């Protein structure tokens, strides 16, 4: 949860202990209509899938209205980008990874 809140600036929507070593944590980008449920892997099959839920492809997209501002802020907070900014027909974009190996696009749509 710390990465999403402290480094990406997400808000904690819900954080509830569910018993039996389970915890319900929902985070969301500020002003977003979408949220993400963070769940701890249980068992070897789920643990083996950490960071590879999308088969090595970008699976998450974080939209911004100011790529330069947010890229600089994220970099200053230690977010690891895998590439420099690219200018694509659909907007400004760069891929970053979360601590679990999931790939994200930071994107300012054209």
PDB file of N, CA and C in Angstrom:
ATOM      1  N   UNK A   1       0.826  -1.190   0.000  1.00  0.00           N
ATOM      2  CA  UNK A   1       0.000   0.000   0.000  1.00  0.00           C
ATOM      3  C   UNK A   1       0.871   1.255   0.000  1.00  0.00           C
ATOM      4  N   UNK A   2       2.006   1.204   0.679  1.00  0.00           N
ATOM      5  CA  UNK A   2       2.849   2.393   0.805  1.00  0.00           C
ATOM      6  C   UNK A   2       3.265   2.938  -0.556  1.00  0.00           C
ATOM      7  N   UNK A   3       3.634   2.071  -1.498  1.00  0.00           N
ATOM      8  CA  UNK A   3       4.042   2.536  -2.824  1.00  0.00           C
ATOM      9  C   UNK A   3       2.936   3.365  -3.472  1.00  0.00           C
ATOM     10  N   UNK A   4       1.723   2.847  -3.452  1.00  0.00           N
ATOM     11  CA  UNK A   4       0.611   3.522  -4.123  1.00  0.00           C
ATOM     12  C   UNK A   4       0.254   4.847  -3.458  1.00  0.00           C
ATOM     13  N   UNK A   5       0.323   4.892  -2.152  1.00  0.00           N
ATOM     14  CA  UNK A   5      -0.047   6.108  -1.417  1.00  0.00           C
ATOM     15  C   UNK A   5       1.106   7.109  -1.380  1.00  0.00           C
ATOM     16  N   UNK A   6       2.282   6.648  -0.989  1.00  0.00           N
ATOM     17  CA  UNK A   6       3.405   7.570  -0.789  1.00  0.00           C
ATOM     18  C   UNK A   6       4.113   7.956  -2.082  1.00  0.00           C
ATOM     19  N   UNK A   7       4.236   7.025  -3.028  1.00  0.00           N
ATOM     20  CA  UNK A   7       4.991   7.320  -4.244  1.00  0.00           C
ATOM     21  C   UNK A   7       4.106   7.739  -5.419  1.00  0.00           C
ATOM     22  N   UNK A   8       2.910   7.149  -5.516  1.00  0.00           N
ATOM     23  CA  UNK A   8       2.017   7.531  -6.611  1.00  0.00           C
ATOM     24  C   UNK A   8       1.001   8.578  -6.196  1.00  0.00           C
ATOM     25  N   UNK A   9       0.840   8.789  -4.899  1.00  0.00           N
ATOM     26  CA  UNK A   9      -0.094   9.801  -4.420  1.00  0.00           C
ATOM     27  C   UNK A   9      -1.555   9.368  -4.411  1.00  0.00           C
ATOM     28  N   UNK A  10      -1.806   8.063  -4.413  1.00  0.00           N
ATOM     29  CA  UNK A  10      -3.177   7.555  -4.373  1.00  0.00           C
ATOM     30  C   UNK A  10      -3.775   7.808  -2.986  1.00  0.00           C
ATOM     31  N   UNK A  11      -5.090   7.808  -2.926  1.00  0.00           N
ATOM     32  CA  UNK A  11      -5.829   7.893  -1.668  1.00  0.00           C
ATOM     33  C   UNK A  11      -6.227   6.487  -1.222  1.00  0.00           C
ATOM     34  N   UNK A  12      -6.244   6.258   0.095  1.00  0.00           N
ATOM     35  CA  UNK A  12      -6.779   5.012   0.634  1.00  0.00           C
ATOM     36  C   UNK A  12      -8.287   5.193   0.739  1.00  0.00           C
ATOM     37  N   UNK A  13      -9.016   4.362   0.036  1.00  0.00           N
ATOM     38  CA  UNK A  13     -10.478   4.421   0.034  1.00  0.00           C
ATOM     39  C   UNK A  13     -11.024   3.565   1.174  1.00  0.00           C
ATOM     40  N   UNK A  14     -10.387   2.412   1.389  1.00  0.00           N
ATOM     41  CA  UNK A  14     -10.839   1.496   2.435  1.00  0.00           C
ATOM     42  C   UNK A  14      -9.661   0.641   2.885  1.00  0.00           C
ATOM     43  N   UNK A  15      -9.566   0.390   4.173  1.00  0.00           N
ATOM     44  CA  UNK A  15      -8.531  -0.475   4.738  1.00  0.00           C
ATOM     45  C   UNK A  15      -9.158  -1.206   5.914  1.00  0.00           C
ATOM     46  N   UNK A  16      -9.482  -2.473   5.687  1.00  0.00           N
ATOM     47  CA  UNK A  16     -10.234  -3.222   6.687  1.00  0.00           C
ATOM     48  C   UNK A  16      -9.631  -4.615   6.881  1.00  0.00           C
ATOM     49  N   UNK A  17      -9.358  -4.986   8.119  1.00  0.00           N
ATOM     50  CA  UNK A  17      -8.935  -6.345   8.436  1.00  0.00           C
ATOM     51  C   UNK A  17     -10.132  -7.269   8.222  1.00  0.00           C
ATOM     52  N   UNK A  18      -9.885  -8.410   7.553  1.00  0.00           N
ATOM     53  CA  UNK A  18     -10.965  -9.342   7.231  1.00  0.00           C
ATOM     54  C   UNK A  18     -10.866 -10.641   8.029  1.00  0.00           C
ATOM     55  N   UNK A  19      -9.847 -10.746   8.893  1.00  0.00           N
ATOM     56  CA  UNK A  19      -9.648 -11.956   9.669  1.00  0.00           C
ATOM     57  C   UNK A  19      -8.914 -13.010   8.861  1.00  0.00           C
ATOM     58  N   UNK A  20      -8.297 -13.922   9.552  1.00  0.00           N
ATOM     59  CA  UNK A  20      -7.589 -15.003   8.872  1.00  0.00           C
ATOM     60  C   UNK A  20      -6.453 -14.518   7.997  1.00  0.00           C
ATOM     61  N   UNK A  21      -5.732 -13.495   8.422  1.00  0.00           N
ATOM     62  CA  UNK A  21      -4.598 -12.920   7.690  1.00  0.00           C
ATOM     63  C   UNK A  21      -5.015 -12.276   6.369  1.00  0.00           C
ATOM     64  N   UNK A  22      -6.292 -11.913   6.260  1.00  0.00           N
ATOM     65  CA  UNK A  22      -6.766 -11.222   5.064  1.00  0.00           C
ATOM     66  C   UNK A  22      -7.062  -9.767   5.404  1.00  0.00           C
ATOM     67  N   UNK A  23      -6.817  -8.919   4.430  1.00  0.00           N
ATOM     68  CA  UNK A  23      -7.026  -7.478   4.607  1.00  0.00           C
ATOM     69  C   UNK A  23      -7.575  -6.919   3.310  1.00  0.00           C
ATOM     70  N   UNK A  24      -8.584  -6.080   3.397  1.00  0.00           N
ATOM     71  CA  UNK A  24      -9.238  -5.460   2.251  1.00  0.00           C
ATOM     72  C   UNK A  24      -8.718  -4.031   2.141  1.00  0.00           C
ATOM     73  N   UNK A  25      -7.856  -3.764   1.148  1.00  0.00           N
ATOM     74  CA  UNK A  25      -7.282  -2.439   0.954  1.00  0.00           C
ATOM     75  C   UNK A  25      -7.638  -1.962  -0.449  1.00  0.00           C
ATOM     76  N   UNK A  26      -8.305  -0.826  -0.523  1.00  0.00           N
ATOM     77  CA  UNK A  26      -8.681  -0.237  -1.803  1.00  0.00           C
ATOM     78  C   UNK A  26      -8.022   1.131  -1.898  1.00  0.00           C
ATOM     79  N   UNK A  27      -7.297   1.362  -2.994  1.00  0.00           N
ATOM     80  CA  UNK A  27      -6.634   2.641  -3.243  1.00  0.00           C
ATOM     81  C   UNK A  27      -7.089   3.172  -4.592  1.00  0.00           C
ATOM     82  N   UNK A  28      -6.979   4.501  -4.757  1.00  0.00           N
ATOM     83  CA  UNK A  28      -7.392   5.115  -6.019  1.00  0.00           C
ATOM     84  C   UNK A  28      -6.609   6.391  -6.263  1.00  0.00           C
ATOM     85  N   UNK A  29      -6.318   6.673  -7.533  1.00  0.00           N
ATOM     86  CA  UNK A  29      -5.719   7.972  -7.850  1.00  0.00           C
ATOM     87  C   UNK A  29      -6.672   9.082  -7.417  1.00  0.00           C
ATOM     88  N   UNK A  30      -6.126  10.203  -7.028  1.00  0.00           N
ATOM     89  CA  UNK A  30      -6.960  11.333  -6.615  1.00  0.00           C
ATOM     90  C   UNK A  30      -7.905  11.702  -7.756  1.00  0.00           C
ATOM     91  N   UNK A  31      -9.127  11.986  -7.432  1.00  0.00           N
ATOM     92  CA  UNK A  31     -10.206  12.381  -8.357  1.00  0.00           C
ATOM     93  C   UNK A  31     -10.553  11.303  -9.380  1.00  0.00           C
ATOM     94  N   UNK A  32     -10.126  10.059  -9.170  1.00  0.00           N
ATOM     95  CA  UNK A  32     -10.419   8.983 -10.122  1.00  0.00           C
ATOM     96  C   UNK A  32     -11.770   8.346  -9.829  1.00  0.00           C
ATOM     97  N   UNK A  33     -12.380   7.821 -10.874  1.00  0.00           N
ATOM     98  CA  UNK A  33     -13.625   7.088 -10.731  1.00  0.00           C
ATOM     99  C   UNK A  33     -13.360   5.584 -10.587  1.00  0.00           C
ATOM    100  N   UNK A  34     -12.097   5.183 -10.654  1.00  0.00           N
ATOM    101  CA  UNK A  34     -11.702   3.779 -10.592  1.00  0.00           C
ATOM    102  C   UNK A  34     -10.770   3.570  -9.410  1.00  0.00           C
ATOM    103  N   UNK A  35     -10.845   2.380  -8.817  1.00  0.00           N
ATOM    104  CA  UNK A  35      -9.983   2.056  -7.688  1.00  0.00           C
ATOM    105  C   UNK A  35      -9.351   0.687  -7.905  1.00  0.00           C
ATOM    106  N   UNK A  36      -8.354   0.374  -7.095  1.00  0.00           N
ATOM    107  CA  UNK A  36      -7.656  -0.902  -7.172  1.00  0.00           C
ATOM    108  C   UNK A  36      -7.742  -1.578  -5.808  1.00  0.00           C
ATOM    109  N   UNK A  37      -8.098  -2.852  -5.818  1.00  0.00           N
ATOM    110  CA  UNK A  37      -8.077  -3.657  -4.597  1.00  0.00           C
ATOM    111  C   UNK A  37      -6.709  -4.313  -4.500  1.00  0.00           C
ATOM    112  N   UNK A  38      -5.994  -4.062  -3.405  1.00  0.00           N
ATOM    113  CA  UNK A  38      -4.711  -4.696  -3.162  1.00  0.00           C
ATOM    114  C   UNK A  38      -4.941  -5.910  -2.277  1.00  0.00           C
ATOM    115  N   UNK A  39      -4.472  -7.053  -2.713  1.00  0.00           N
ATOM    116  CA  UNK A  39      -4.680  -8.283  -1.950  1.00  0.00           C
ATOM    117  C   UNK A  39      -3.370  -9.051  -1.842  1.00  0.00           C
ATOM    118  N   UNK A  40      -3.132  -9.626  -0.701  1.00  0.00           N
ATOM    119  CA  UNK A  40      -1.941 -10.441  -0.461  1.00  0.00           C
ATOM    120  C   UNK A  40      -2.143 -11.804  -1.128  1.00  0.00           C
ATOM    121  N   UNK A  41      -1.121 -12.286  -1.806  1.00  0.00           N
ATOM    122  CA  UNK A  41      -1.179 -13.612  -2.421  1.00  0.00           C
ATOM    123  C   UNK A  41      -1.283 -14.679  -1.342  1.00  0.00           C
ATOM    124  N   UNK A  42      -2.097 -15.673  -1.609  1.00  0.00           N
ATOM    125  CA  UNK A  42      -2.265 -16.798  -0.688  1.00  0.00           C
ATOM    126  C   UNK A  42      -1.929 -18.067  -1.452  1.00  0.00           C
ATOM    127  N   UNK A  43      -0.934 -18.771  -0.997  1.00  0.00           N
ATOM    128  CA  UNK A  43      -0.555 -20.040  -1.608  1.00  0.00           C
ATOM    129  C   UNK A  43       0.447 -19.884  -2.736  1.00  0.00           C
ATOM    130  N   UNK A  44       1.048 -20.988  -3.138  1.00  0.00           N
ATOM    131  CA  UNK A  44       2.117 -20.954  -4.133  1.00  0.00           C
ATOM    132  C   UNK A  44       1.660 -20.510  -5.524  1.00  0.00           C
ATOM    133  N   UNK A  45       0.463 -20.867  -5.948  1.00  0.00           N
ATOM    134  CA  UNK A  45       0.006 -20.469  -7.280  1.00  0.00           C
ATOM    135  C   UNK A  45      -0.148 -18.959  -7.387  1.00  0.00           C
ATOM    136  N   UNK A  46      -0.774 -18.350  -6.396  1.00  0.00           N
ATOM    137  CA  UNK A  46      -0.936 -16.894  -6.414  1.00  0.00           C
ATOM    138  C   UNK A  46       0.411 -16.205  -6.257  1.00  0.00           C
ATOM    139  N   UNK A  47       1.255 -16.713  -5.389  1.00  0.00           N
ATOM    140  CA  UNK A  47       2.581 -16.111  -5.195  1.00  0.00           C
ATOM    141  C   UNK A  47       3.404 -16.152  -6.474  1.00  0.00           C
ATOM    142  N   UNK A  48       3.298 -17.230  -7.239  1.00  0.00           N
ATOM    143  CA  UNK A  48       4.050 -17.370  -8.486  1.00  0.00           C
ATOM    144  C   UNK A  48       3.602 -16.357  -9.536  1.00  0.00           C
ATOM    145  N   UNK A  49       2.378 -15.864  -9.440  1.00  0.00           N
ATOM    146  CA  UNK A  49       1.845 -14.928 -10.434  1.00  0.00           C
ATOM    147  C   UNK A  49       2.148 -13.467 -10.118  1.00  0.00           C
ATOM    148  N   UNK A  50       2.712 -13.178  -8.951  1.00  0.00           N
ATOM    149  CA  UNK A  50       2.973 -11.787  -8.572  1.00  0.00           C
ATOM    150  C   UNK A  50       3.861 -11.127  -9.619  1.00  0.00           C
ATOM    151  N   UNK A  51       3.394 -10.009 -10.148  1.00  0.00           N
ATOM    152  CA  UNK A  51       4.144  -9.246 -11.128  1.00  0.00           C
ATOM    153  C   UNK A  51       4.015  -9.755 -12.548  1.00  0.00           C
ATOM    154  N   UNK A  52       3.295 -10.840 -12.742  1.00  0.00           N
ATOM    155  CA  UNK A  52       3.157 -11.387 -14.088  1.00  0.00           C
ATOM    156  C   UNK A  52       1.697 -11.646 -14.446  1.00  0.00           C
ATOM    157  N   UNK A  53       0.797 -10.927 -13.815  1.00  0.00           N
ATOM    158  CA  UNK A  53      -0.623 -11.118 -14.069  1.00  0.00           C
ATOM    159  C   UNK A  53      -1.000 -10.795 -15.510  1.00  0.00           C
ATOM    160  N   UNK A  54      -0.198  -9.968 -16.163  1.00  0.00           N
ATOM    161  CA  UNK A  54      -0.515  -9.544 -17.537  1.00  0.00           C
ATOM    162  C   UNK A  54       0.478 -10.121 -18.546  1.00  0.00           C
ATOM    163  N   UNK A  55       1.194 -11.163 -18.168  1.00  0.00           N
ATOM    164  CA  UNK A  55       2.103 -11.820 -19.085  1.00  0.00           C
ATOM    165  C   UNK A  55       3.270 -10.957 -19.533  1.00  0.00           C
ATOM    166  N   UNK A  56       3.696 -10.028 -18.682  1.00  0.00           N
ATOM    167  CA  UNK A  56       4.829  -9.173 -19.006  1.00  0.00           C
ATOM    168  C   UNK A  56       4.473  -7.904 -19.756  1.00  0.00           C
ATOM    169  N   UNK A  57       3.214  -7.729 -20.087  1.00  0.00           N
ATOM    170  CA  UNK A  57       2.772  -6.523 -20.790  1.00  0.00           C
ATOM    171  C   UNK A  57       2.330  -5.462 -19.794  1.00  0.00           C
ATOM    172  N   UNK A  58       2.206  -4.235 -20.279  1.00  0.00           N
ATOM    173  CA  UNK A  58       1.625  -3.171 -19.451  1.00  0.00           C
ATOM    174  C   UNK A  58       0.166  -3.538 -19.209  1.00  0.00           C
ATOM    175  N   UNK A  59      -0.212  -3.527 -17.945  1.00  0.00           N
ATOM    176  CA  UNK A  59      -1.578  -3.902 -17.606  1.00  0.00           C
ATOM    177  C   UNK A  59      -2.370  -2.796 -16.941  1.00  0.00           C
ATOM    178  N   UNK A  60      -1.685  -1.698 -16.577  1.00  0.00           N
ATOM    179  CA  UNK A  60      -2.335  -0.625 -15.849  1.00  0.00           C
ATOM    180  C   UNK A  60      -1.945   0.704 -16.466  1.00  0.00           C
ATOM    181  N   UNK A  61      -2.866   1.635 -16.454  1.00  0.00           N
ATOM    182  CA  UNK A  61      -2.655   2.939 -17.063  1.00  0.00           C
ATOM    183  C   UNK A  61      -3.022   4.022 -16.064  1.00  0.00           C
ATOM    184  N   UNK A  62      -2.098   4.939 -15.833  1.00  0.00           N
ATOM    185  CA  UNK A  62      -2.324   6.060 -14.928  1.00  0.00           C
ATOM    186  C   UNK A  62      -2.327   7.322 -15.772  1.00  0.00           C
ATOM    187  N   UNK A  63      -3.506   7.888 -15.986  1.00  0.00           N
ATOM    188  CA  UNK A  63      -3.651   9.079 -16.826  1.00  0.00           C
ATOM    189  C   UNK A  63      -3.348  10.338 -16.024  1.00  0.00           C
ATOM    190  N   UNK A  64      -2.767  11.320 -16.701  1.00  0.00           N
ATOM    191  CA  UNK A  64      -2.428  12.595 -16.083  1.00  0.00           C
ATOM    192  C   UNK A  64      -2.767  13.718 -17.042  1.00  0.00           C
ATOM    193  N   UNK A  65      -2.995  14.895 -16.482  1.00  0.00           N
ATOM    194  CA  UNK A  65      -3.205  16.080 -17.329  1.00  0.00           C
ATOM    195  C   UNK A  65      -1.913  16.881 -17.469  1.00  0.00           C
ATOM    196  N   UNK A  66      -0.823  16.413 -16.811  1.00  0.00           N
ATOM    197  CA  UNK A  66       0.474  17.087 -16.897  1.00  0.00           C
ATOM    198  C   UNK A  66       1.579  16.044 -16.719  1.00  0.00           C
ATOM    199  N   UNK A  67       1.983  15.444 -17.824  1.00  0.00           N
ATOM    200  CA  UNK A  67       2.977  14.380 -17.789  1.00  0.00           C
ATOM    201  C   UNK A  67       4.264  14.841 -17.119  1.00  0.00           C
ATOM    202  N   UNK A  68       4.769  15.995 -17.528  1.00  0.00           N
ATOM    203  CA  UNK A  68       6.054  16.485 -17.022  1.00  0.00           C
ATOM    204  C   UNK A  68       6.031  16.640 -15.513  1.00  0.00           C
ATOM    205  N   UNK A  69       4.988  17.239 -14.983  1.00  0.00           N
ATOM    206  CA  UNK A  69       4.850  17.440 -13.529  1.00  0.00           C
ATOM    207  C   UNK A  69       4.826  16.106 -12.798  1.00  0.00           C
ATOM    208  N   UNK A  70       3.958  15.199 -13.242  1.00  0.00           N
ATOM    209  CA  UNK A  70       3.786  13.940 -12.522  1.00  0.00           C
ATOM    210  C   UNK A  70       4.980  13.005 -12.691  1.00  0.00           C
ATOM    211  N   UNK A  71       5.590  12.990 -13.858  1.00  0.00           N
ATOM    212  CA  UNK A  71       6.783  12.180 -14.070  1.00  0.00           C
ATOM    213  C   UNK A  71       7.898  12.655 -13.130  1.00  0.00           C
ATOM    214  N   UNK A  72       8.102  13.972 -13.032  1.00  0.00           N
ATOM    215  CA  UNK A  72       9.135  14.517 -12.144  1.00  0.00           C
ATOM    216  C   UNK A  72       8.843  14.180 -10.686  1.00  0.00           C
ATOM    217  N   UNK A  73       7.605  14.317 -10.264  1.00  0.00           N
ATOM    218  CA  UNK A  73       7.232  14.024  -8.874  1.00  0.00           C
ATOM    219  C   UNK A  73       7.416  12.543  -8.558  1.00  0.00           C
ATOM    220  N   UNK A  74       7.008  11.683  -9.475  1.00  0.00           N
ATOM    221  CA  UNK A  74       7.136  10.242  -9.256  1.00  0.00           C
ATOM    222  C   UNK A  74       8.603   9.825  -9.224  1.00  0.00           C
ATOM    223  N   UNK A  75       9.399  10.372 -10.131  1.00  0.00           N
ATOM    224  CA  UNK A  75      10.828  10.057 -10.162  1.00  0.00           C
ATOM    225  C   UNK A  75      11.494  10.508  -8.866  1.00  0.00           C
ATOM    226  N   UNK A  76      11.142  11.689  -8.378  1.00  0.00           N
ATOM    227  CA  UNK A  76      11.707  12.208  -7.132  1.00  0.00           C
ATOM    228  C   UNK A  76      11.351  11.326  -5.936  1.00  0.00           C
ATOM    229  N   UNK A  77      10.223  10.620  -6.025  1.00  0.00           N
ATOM    230  CA  UNK A  77       9.790   9.741  -4.928  1.00  0.00           C
ATOM    231  C   UNK A  77      10.271   8.303  -5.115  1.00  0.00           C
ATOM    232  N   UNK A  78      11.115   8.082  -6.128  1.00  0.00           N
ATOM    233  CA  UNK A  78      11.718   6.767  -6.296  1.00  0.00           C
ATOM    234  C   UNK A  78      11.001   5.803  -7.211  1.00  0.00           C
ATOM    235  N   UNK A  79       9.992   6.264  -7.935  1.00  0.00           N
ATOM    236  CA  UNK A  79       9.320   5.380  -8.888  1.00  0.00           C
ATOM    237  C   UNK A  79      10.308   5.064 -10.012  1.00  0.00           C
ATOM    238  N   UNK A  80      10.408   3.795 -10.383  1.00  0.00           N
ATOM    239  CA  UNK A  80      11.373   3.349 -11.397  1.00  0.00           C
ATOM    240  C   UNK A  80      10.704   3.265 -12.770  1.00  0.00           C
ATOM    241  N   UNK A  81      11.139   4.156 -13.647  1.00  0.00           N
ATOM    242  CA  UNK A  81      10.667   4.146 -15.034  1.00  0.00           C
ATOM    243  C   UNK A  81      11.590   3.269 -15.854  1.00  0.00           C
ATOM    244  N   UNK A  82      11.018   2.495 -16.765  1.00  0.00           N
ATOM    245  CA  UNK A  82      11.784   1.582 -17.603  1.00  0.00           C
ATOM    246  C   UNK A  82      12.241   2.220 -18.897  1.00  0.00           C
ATOM    247  N   UNK A  83      11.760   3.417 -19.168  1.00  0.00           N
ATOM    248  CA  UNK A  83      12.085   4.091 -20.421  1.00  0.00           C
ATOM    249  C   UNK A  83      11.902   5.589 -20.252  1.00  0.00           C
ATOM    250  N   UNK A  84      12.472   6.325 -21.189  1.00  0.00           N
ATOM    251  CA  UNK A  84      12.241   7.766 -21.250  1.00  0.00           C
ATOM    252  C   UNK A  84      10.861   8.017 -21.858  1.00  0.00           C
ATOM    253  N   UNK A  85      10.378   9.228 -21.704  1.00  0.00           N
ATOM    254  CA  UNK A  85       9.087   9.599 -22.276  1.00  0.00           C
ATOM    255  C   UNK A  85       9.101   9.381 -23.790  1.00  0.00           C
ATOM    256  N   UNK A  86       7.994   8.835 -24.278  1.00  0.00           N
ATOM    257  CA  UNK A  86       7.770   8.678 -25.719  1.00  0.00           C
ATOM    258  C   UNK A  86       6.584   9.547 -26.115  1.00  0.00           C
ATOM    259  N   UNK A  87       6.658  10.125 -27.298  1.00  0.00           N
ATOM    260  CA  UNK A  87       5.523  10.851 -27.851  1.00  0.00           C
ATOM    261  C   UNK A  87       4.868   9.957 -28.892  1.00  0.00           C
ATOM    262  N   UNK A  88       3.673   9.515 -28.579  1.00  0.00           N
ATOM    263  CA  UNK A  88       2.905   8.630 -29.463  1.00  0.00           C
ATOM    264  C   UNK A  88       1.700   9.388 -30.005  1.00  0.00           C
ATOM    265  N   UNK A  89       1.073   8.887 -31.059  1.00  0.00           N
ATOM    266  CA  UNK A  89      -0.122   9.553 -31.591  1.00  0.00           C
ATOM    267  C   UNK A  89      -1.222   9.726 -30.532  1.00  0.00           C
ATOM    268  N   UNK A  90      -1.259   8.827 -29.548  1.00  0.00           N
ATOM    269  CA  UNK A  90      -2.286   8.872 -28.511  1.00  0.00           C
ATOM    270  C   UNK A  90      -1.866   9.681 -27.289  1.00  0.00           C
ATOM    271  N   UNK A  91      -0.593  10.163 -27.239  1.00  0.00           N
ATOM    272  CA  UNK A  91      -0.183  11.016 -26.132  1.00  0.00           C
ATOM    273  C   UNK A  91       1.247  10.788 -25.686  1.00  0.00           C
ATOM    274  N   UNK A  92       1.611  11.447 -24.595  1.00  0.00           N
ATOM    275  CA  UNK A  92       2.927  11.292 -23.968  1.00  0.00           C
ATOM    276  C   UNK A  92       2.838  10.096 -23.028  1.00  0.00           C
ATOM    277  N   UNK A  93       3.854   9.234 -23.057  1.00  0.00           N
ATOM    278  CA  UNK A  93       3.779   8.002 -22.271  1.00  0.00           C
ATOM    279  C   UNK A  93       5.164   7.528 -21.868  1.00  0.00           C
ATOM    280  N   UNK A  94       5.238   6.884 -20.695  1.00  0.00           N
ATOM    281  CA  UNK A  94       6.433   6.169 -20.239  1.00  0.00           C
ATOM    282  C   UNK A  94       5.982   5.029 -19.339  1.00  0.00           C
ATOM    283  N   UNK A  95       6.692   3.914 -19.428  1.00  0.00           N
ATOM    284  CA  UNK A  95       6.368   2.732 -18.630  1.00  0.00           C
ATOM    285  C   UNK A  95       7.145   2.777 -17.315  1.00  0.00           C
ATOM    286  N   UNK A  96       6.433   2.501 -16.205  1.00  0.00           N
ATOM    287  CA  UNK A  96       7.078   2.331 -14.906  1.00  0.00           C
ATOM    288  C   UNK A  96       6.618   1.025 -14.292  1.00  0.00           C
ATOM    289  N   UNK A  97       7.321   0.594 -13.248  1.00  0.00           N
ATOM    290  CA  UNK A  97       6.951  -0.649 -12.565  1.00  0.00           C
ATOM    291  C   UNK A  97       6.664  -0.375 -11.103  1.00  0.00           C
ATOM    292  N   UNK A  98       5.727  -1.150 -10.566  1.00  0.00           N
ATOM    293  CA  UNK A  98       5.479  -1.085  -9.124  1.00  0.00           C
ATOM    294  C   UNK A  98       6.431  -2.060  -8.432  1.00  0.00           C
ATOM    295  N   UNK A  99       6.436  -2.101  -7.103  1.00  0.00           N
ATOM    296  CA  UNK A  99       7.398  -2.968  -6.392  1.00  0.00           C
ATOM    297  C   UNK A  99       7.194  -4.462  -6.654  1.00  0.00           C
ATOM    298  N   UNK A 100       6.092  -4.823  -7.275  1.00  0.00           N
ATOM    299  CA  UNK A 100       5.773  -6.230  -7.505  1.00  0.00           C
ATOM    300  C   UNK A 100       6.064  -6.654  -8.941  1.00  0.00           C
ATOM    301  N   UNK A 101       6.574  -5.708  -9.750  1.00  0.00           N
ATOM    302  CA  UNK A 101       6.923  -6.018 -11.134  1.00  0.00           C
ATOM    303  C   UNK A 101       5.832  -5.744 -12.145  1.00  0.00           C
ATOM    304  N   UNK A 102       4.687  -5.233 -11.691  1.00  0.00           N
ATOM    305  CA  UNK A 102       3.609  -4.895 -12.624  1.00  0.00           C
ATOM    306  C   UNK A 102       3.989  -3.660 -13.418  1.00  0.00           C
ATOM    307  N   UNK A 103       3.766  -3.704 -14.726  1.00  0.00           N
ATOM    308  CA  UNK A 103       4.080  -2.573 -15.590  1.00  0.00           C
ATOM    309  C   UNK A 103       2.873  -1.653 -15.724  1.00  0.00           C
ATOM    310  N   UNK A 104       3.156  -0.358 -15.655  1.00  0.00           N
ATOM    311  CA  UNK A 104       2.149   0.689 -15.767  1.00  0.00           C
ATOM    312  C   UNK A 104       2.577   1.679 -16.845  1.00  0.00           C
ATOM    313  N   UNK A 105       1.622   2.271 -17.514  1.00  0.00           N
ATOM    314  CA  UNK A 105       1.873   3.438 -18.365  1.00  0.00           C
ATOM    315  C   UNK A 105       1.468   4.679 -17.597  1.00  0.00           C
ATOM    316  N   UNK A 106       2.368   5.649 -17.497  1.00  0.00           N
ATOM    317  CA  UNK A 106       1.975   7.010 -17.119  1.00  0.00           C
ATOM    318  C   UNK A 106       1.689   7.678 -18.448  1.00  0.00           C
ATOM    319  N   UNK A 107       0.475   8.201 -18.622  1.00  0.00           N
ATOM    320  CA  UNK A 107       0.087   8.703 -19.933  1.00  0.00           C
ATOM    321  C   UNK A 107      -0.678  10.007 -19.821  1.00  0.00           C
ATOM    322  N   UNK A 108      -0.279  10.955 -20.656  1.00  0.00           N
ATOM    323  CA  UNK A 108      -1.049  12.189 -20.851  1.00  0.00           C
ATOM    324  C   UNK A 108      -1.658  12.082 -22.240  1.00  0.00           C
ATOM    325  N   UNK A 109      -2.957  11.791 -22.299  1.00  0.00           N
ATOM    326  CA  UNK A 109      -3.601  11.589 -23.604  1.00  0.00           C
ATOM    327  C   UNK A 109      -3.487  12.829 -24.492  1.00  0.00           C
ATOM    328  N   UNK A 110      -3.383  12.554 -25.785  1.00  0.00           N
ATOM    329  CA  UNK A 110      -3.293  13.637 -26.775  1.00  0.00           C
ATOM    330  C   UNK A 110      -4.618  14.377 -26.881  1.00  0.00           C
TER     331      UNK A 110
END
